[in-house]
Amino acid sequence: MLKNLLFLSLLLFYNFFLNINNLYTEDENIFLNVIKEIKKNIKYYPALKKCDITDKTILALIKKESGFDRFSVSNKGACGLMQVLPSTAKLYDKKITSEDLFNLKINIFIGIAYLNYLANVYNNKKEILQRYYWGNKKQLHYYYYWDIIRLENKIK
C-alpha cells in the first residue's frame, strides 16, 4: 500500500513537472516572438527613439499592462499584450475586431504605432507612457510611469 502511494505521488509529481516545463517553453517562445516583433516594428518609428522609448521600454510596458498574457482583457475592454482598446485599433484599421487584438503581431504593431502617435504629440517619455495608460484624462498619476521605468531597468 505504501509503495503504491509513493509510486502515485512520484507519478503525479513527474506529470506536474512535465507540465511546468511545457508551459515554460511555451511562454519562452511567446516572449521571444514578442521581442522579435518589437524589434521589427520599432525601427519604423524614429519619434520613439527621439523620446528614449526603446524595446526595453516596450517590454516593460507589456509586463505592466498584461503580464505577457496575450489573451488578457481589461475591465475597460483593452485586449492583448499591449492592452489596445478596439476603438484605438480602429484608427489604424477599420476592419479590425477585438479578437484580432489577441494576435501577437497585430497587437504589438498597433500598440507601437499608437506609442509613436503619442511621441509625436507629447515628445516626452513620461507624458507618453502616462497617456498610453490614462488616455486623455486631465489628471495623470505618475506612479504608472515609475513602474515602467523600474521594470525597464530590470531588463538586461
C-alpha atoms as a PDB file:
ATOM      1  CA  MET A   1       0.000   0.000   0.000  1.00  0.00           C
ATOM      2  CA  LEU A   2       2.774   2.423   0.953  1.00  0.00           C
ATOM      3  CA  LYS A   3       4.702   1.558  -2.213  1.00  0.00           C
ATOM      4  CA  ASN A   4       1.613   2.242  -4.342  1.00  0.00           C
ATOM      5  CA  LEU A   5       1.074   5.576  -2.617  1.00  0.00           C
ATOM      6  CA  LEU A   6       4.735   6.520  -3.100  1.00  0.00           C
ATOM      7  CA  PHE A   7       4.589   5.490  -6.756  1.00  0.00           C
ATOM      8  CA  LEU A   8       1.396   7.503  -7.286  1.00  0.00           C
ATOM      9  CA  SER A   9       2.990  10.559  -5.601  1.00  0.00           C
ATOM     10  CA  LEU A  10       6.048  10.305  -7.833  1.00  0.00           C
ATOM     11  CA  LEU A  11       3.884   9.889 -10.909  1.00  0.00           C
ATOM     12  CA  LEU A  12       1.827  12.982 -10.031  1.00  0.00           C
ATOM     13  CA  PHE A  13       4.960  14.995  -9.287  1.00  0.00           C
ATOM     14  CA  TYR A  14       6.569  13.893 -12.564  1.00  0.00           C
ATOM     15  CA  ASN A  15       3.430  14.795 -14.526  1.00  0.00           C
ATOM     16  CA  PHE A  16       3.251  18.186 -12.787  1.00  0.00           C
ATOM     17  CA  PHE A  17       6.938  18.807 -13.507  1.00  0.00           C
ATOM     18  CA  LEU A  18       6.489  17.973 -17.202  1.00  0.00           C
ATOM     19  CA  ASN A  19       3.534  20.358 -17.467  1.00  0.00           C
ATOM     20  CA  ILE A  20       5.521  23.151 -15.811  1.00  0.00           C
ATOM     21  CA  ASN A  21       8.368  22.647 -18.276  1.00  0.00           C
ATOM     22  CA  ASN A  22       5.971  22.677 -21.225  1.00  0.00           C
ATOM     23  CA  LEU A  23       4.396  25.896 -20.001  1.00  0.00           C
ATOM     24  CA  TYR A  24       7.799  27.469 -19.528  1.00  0.00           C
ATOM     25  CA  THR A  25       8.861  26.551 -23.054  1.00  0.00           C
ATOM     26  CA  GLU A  26       5.613  27.898 -24.494  1.00  0.00           C
ATOM     27  CA  ASP A  27       5.951  31.149 -22.501  1.00  0.00           C
ATOM     28  CA  GLU A  28       9.587  31.444 -23.521  1.00  0.00           C
ATOM     29  CA  ASN A  29       8.623  31.118 -27.203  1.00  0.00           C
ATOM     30  CA  ILE A  30       5.932  33.767 -26.818  1.00  0.00           C
ATOM     31  CA  PHE A  31       8.439  36.020 -25.085  1.00  0.00           C
ATOM     32  CA  LEU A  32      10.998  35.548 -27.882  1.00  0.00           C
ATOM     33  CA  ASN A  33       8.312  36.238 -30.510  1.00  0.00           C
ATOM     34  CA  VAL A  34       7.314  39.401 -28.639  1.00  0.00           C
ATOM     35  CA  ILE A  35      10.909  40.650 -28.664  1.00  0.00           C
ATOM     36  CA  LYS A  36      11.227  39.845 -32.370  1.00  0.00           C
ATOM     37  CA  GLU A  37       8.020  41.744 -33.208  1.00  0.00           C
ATOM     38  CA  ILE A  38       9.023  44.755 -31.125  1.00  0.00           C
ATOM     39  CA  LYS A  39      12.430  44.995 -32.785  1.00  0.00           C
ATOM     40  CA  LYS A  40      10.830  44.582 -36.230  1.00  0.00           C
ATOM     41  CA  ASN A  41       8.277  47.365 -35.649  1.00  0.00           C
ATOM     42  CA  ILE A  42      10.154  49.895 -33.549  1.00  0.00           C
ATOM     43  CA  LYS A  43      12.716  50.696 -36.243  1.00  0.00           C
ATOM     44  CA  TYR A  44       9.988  52.349 -38.366  1.00  0.00           C
ATOM     45  CA  TYR A  45       9.218  54.960 -35.712  1.00  0.00           C
ATOM     46  CA  PRO A  46      12.039  57.484 -35.169  1.00  0.00           C
ATOM     47  CA  ALA A  47       9.843  59.578 -32.845  1.00  0.00           C
ATOM     48  CA  LEU A  48      10.053  56.772 -30.281  1.00  0.00           C
ATOM     49  CA  LYS A  49      13.835  56.756 -30.431  1.00  0.00           C
ATOM     50  CA  LYS A  50      13.911  60.528 -30.048  1.00  0.00           C
ATOM     51  CA  CYS A  51      11.804  60.192 -26.855  1.00  0.00           C
ATOM     52  CA  ASP A  52      14.007  57.377 -25.486  1.00  0.00           C
ATOM     53  CA  ILE A  53      11.334  54.707 -25.871  1.00  0.00           C
ATOM     54  CA  THR A  54      13.285  51.551 -26.621  1.00  0.00           C
ATOM     55  CA  ASP A  55      12.481  47.871 -26.977  1.00  0.00           C
ATOM     56  CA  LYS A  56      13.159  47.560 -23.236  1.00  0.00           C
ATOM     57  CA  THR A  57      10.565  50.255 -22.522  1.00  0.00           C
ATOM     58  CA  ILE A  58       8.002  48.395 -24.607  1.00  0.00           C
ATOM     59  CA  LEU A  59       8.807  45.085 -22.903  1.00  0.00           C
ATOM     60  CA  ALA A  60       8.324  46.794 -19.528  1.00  0.00           C
ATOM     61  CA  LEU A  61       5.047  48.287 -20.746  1.00  0.00           C
ATOM     62  CA  ILE A  62       3.824  44.840 -21.847  1.00  0.00           C
ATOM     63  CA  LYS A  63       4.830  43.368 -18.483  1.00  0.00           C
ATOM     64  CA  LYS A  64       2.912  46.124 -16.683  1.00  0.00           C
ATOM     65  CA  GLU A  65      -0.131  46.086 -18.974  1.00  0.00           C
ATOM     66  CA  SER A  66      -0.776  42.357 -19.417  1.00  0.00           C
ATOM     67  CA  GLY A  67       1.931  40.384 -17.634  1.00  0.00           C
ATOM     68  CA  PHE A  68       2.735  38.850 -21.056  1.00  0.00           C
ATOM     69  CA  ASP A  69      -0.742  37.291 -21.222  1.00  0.00           C
ATOM     70  CA  ARG A  70      -1.711  37.752 -24.857  1.00  0.00           C
ATOM     71  CA  PHE A  71      -5.350  36.877 -24.082  1.00  0.00           C
ATOM     72  CA  SER A  72      -5.654  39.465 -21.330  1.00  0.00           C
ATOM     73  CA  VAL A  73      -8.728  41.736 -21.334  1.00  0.00           C
ATOM     74  CA  SER A  74      -9.015  44.746 -19.032  1.00  0.00           C
ATOM     75  CA  ASN A  75     -12.199  45.882 -17.326  1.00  0.00           C
ATOM     76  CA  LYS A  76     -12.315  48.718 -19.909  1.00  0.00           C
ATOM     77  CA  GLY A  77     -12.132  46.255 -22.830  1.00  0.00           C
ATOM     78  CA  ALA A  78      -8.462  46.711 -23.771  1.00  0.00           C
ATOM     79  CA  CYS A  79      -7.104  43.490 -25.278  1.00  0.00           C
ATOM     80  CA  GLY A  80      -3.878  41.583 -25.708  1.00  0.00           C
ATOM     81  CA  LEU A  81      -0.268  42.092 -24.722  1.00  0.00           C
ATOM     82  CA  MET A  82      -0.222  45.874 -25.042  1.00  0.00           C
ATOM     83  CA  GLN A  83      -3.828  46.279 -23.871  1.00  0.00           C
ATOM     84  CA  VAL A  84      -5.067  48.050 -27.001  1.00  0.00           C
ATOM     85  CA  LEU A  85      -8.645  49.308 -26.987  1.00  0.00           C
ATOM     86  CA  PRO A  86     -10.680  48.255 -30.030  1.00  0.00           C
ATOM     87  CA  SER A  87     -11.522  51.929 -30.641  1.00  0.00           C
ATOM     88  CA  THR A  88      -7.794  52.757 -30.797  1.00  0.00           C
ATOM     89  CA  ALA A  89      -7.163  49.807 -33.127  1.00  0.00           C
ATOM     90  CA  LYS A  90      -9.874  51.059 -35.494  1.00  0.00           C
ATOM     91  CA  LEU A  91      -7.853  54.246 -36.006  1.00  0.00           C
ATOM     92  CA  TYR A  92      -5.279  52.055 -37.779  1.00  0.00           C
ATOM     93  CA  ASP A  93      -7.598  49.534 -39.461  1.00  0.00           C
ATOM     94  CA  LYS A  94     -11.383  49.986 -39.678  1.00  0.00           C
ATOM     95  CA  LYS A  95     -11.980  46.242 -40.171  1.00  0.00           C
ATOM     96  CA  ILE A  96     -10.140  45.104 -37.048  1.00  0.00           C
ATOM     97  CA  THR A  97     -12.075  43.199 -34.392  1.00  0.00           C
ATOM     98  CA  SER A  98     -11.455  42.624 -30.693  1.00  0.00           C
ATOM     99  CA  GLU A  99     -10.438  39.036 -31.496  1.00  0.00           C
ATOM    100  CA  ASP A 100      -7.742  40.339 -33.872  1.00  0.00           C
ATOM    101  CA  LEU A 101      -6.126  42.128 -30.931  1.00  0.00           C
ATOM    102  CA  PHE A 102      -5.196  38.772 -29.396  1.00  0.00           C
ATOM    103  CA  ASN A 103      -2.898  38.193 -32.362  1.00  0.00           C
ATOM    104  CA  LEU A 104       0.606  38.936 -31.117  1.00  0.00           C
ATOM    105  CA  LYS A 105       1.772  40.659 -34.334  1.00  0.00           C
ATOM    106  CA  ILE A 106      -1.322  42.833 -34.752  1.00  0.00           C
ATOM    107  CA  ASN A 107      -1.383  43.854 -31.100  1.00  0.00           C
ATOM    108  CA  ILE A 108       2.276  44.860 -30.999  1.00  0.00           C
ATOM    109  CA  PHE A 109       2.052  46.656 -34.355  1.00  0.00           C
ATOM    110  CA  ILE A 110      -0.922  48.758 -33.224  1.00  0.00           C
ATOM    111  CA  GLY A 111       0.484  49.329 -29.726  1.00  0.00           C
ATOM    112  CA  ILE A 112       3.785  50.621 -31.106  1.00  0.00           C
ATOM    113  CA  ALA A 113       2.036  52.717 -33.780  1.00  0.00           C
ATOM    114  CA  TYR A 114      -0.080  54.308 -31.045  1.00  0.00           C
ATOM    115  CA  LEU A 115       3.008  54.964 -28.910  1.00  0.00           C
ATOM    116  CA  ASN A 116       4.566  56.652 -31.949  1.00  0.00           C
ATOM    117  CA  TYR A 117       1.469  58.844 -32.351  1.00  0.00           C
ATOM    118  CA  LEU A 118       1.781  59.855 -28.692  1.00  0.00           C
ATOM    119  CA  ALA A 119       5.510  60.509 -29.167  1.00  0.00           C
ATOM    120  CA  ASN A 120       4.736  62.905 -31.995  1.00  0.00           C
ATOM    121  CA  VAL A 121       2.121  64.728 -29.914  1.00  0.00           C
ATOM    122  CA  TYR A 122       3.779  64.889 -26.482  1.00  0.00           C
ATOM    123  CA  ASN A 123       7.516  64.486 -27.198  1.00  0.00           C
ATOM    124  CA  ASN A 124       8.215  63.460 -23.575  1.00  0.00           C
ATOM    125  CA  LYS A 125       8.695  59.872 -22.333  1.00  0.00           C
ATOM    126  CA  LYS A 126       6.899  60.450 -19.052  1.00  0.00           C
ATOM    127  CA  GLU A 127       3.892  62.051 -20.722  1.00  0.00           C
ATOM    128  CA  ILE A 128       3.775  59.415 -23.494  1.00  0.00           C
ATOM    129  CA  LEU A 129       3.700  56.483 -21.080  1.00  0.00           C
ATOM    130  CA  GLN A 130       1.128  58.189 -18.862  1.00  0.00           C
ATOM    131  CA  ARG A 131      -1.116  58.970 -21.842  1.00  0.00           C
ATOM    132  CA  TYR A 132      -0.790  55.391 -23.090  1.00  0.00           C
ATOM    133  CA  TYR A 133      -2.251  54.223 -19.793  1.00  0.00           C
ATOM    134  CA  TRP A 134      -4.629  57.016 -18.796  1.00  0.00           C
ATOM    135  CA  GLY A 135      -5.750  58.251 -22.219  1.00  0.00           C
ATOM    136  CA  ASN A 136      -6.743  61.909 -22.413  1.00  0.00           C
ATOM    137  CA  LYS A 137      -7.686  62.365 -18.772  1.00  0.00           C
ATOM    138  CA  LYS A 138      -6.779  65.763 -17.388  1.00  0.00           C
ATOM    139  CA  GLN A 139      -5.185  64.492 -14.189  1.00  0.00           C
ATOM    140  CA  LEU A 140      -2.388  61.976 -14.588  1.00  0.00           C
ATOM    141  CA  HIS A 141      -0.941  59.861 -11.818  1.00  0.00           C
ATOM    142  CA  TYR A 142       2.756  59.318 -12.405  1.00  0.00           C
ATOM    143  CA  TYR A 143       3.107  56.061 -10.470  1.00  0.00           C
ATOM    144  CA  TYR A 144       2.481  54.217 -13.767  1.00  0.00           C
ATOM    145  CA  TYR A 145       5.498  55.903 -15.358  1.00  0.00           C
ATOM    146  CA  TRP A 146       7.744  54.987 -12.426  1.00  0.00           C
ATOM    147  CA  ASP A 147       6.533  51.372 -12.507  1.00  0.00           C
ATOM    148  CA  ILE A 148       7.515  51.163 -16.194  1.00  0.00           C
ATOM    149  CA  ILE A 149      10.935  52.727 -15.507  1.00  0.00           C
ATOM    150  CA  ARG A 150      11.532  50.304 -12.631  1.00  0.00           C
ATOM    151  CA  LEU A 151      10.669  47.336 -14.865  1.00  0.00           C
ATOM    152  CA  GLU A 152      12.697  48.737 -17.762  1.00  0.00           C
ATOM    153  CA  ASN A 153      15.782  48.978 -15.511  1.00  0.00           C
ATOM    154  CA  LYS A 154      15.422  45.304 -14.545  1.00  0.00           C
ATOM    155  CA  ILE A 155      15.591  44.167 -18.190  1.00  0.00           C
ATOM    156  CA  LYS A 156      19.118  43.339 -19.285  1.00  0.00           C
END
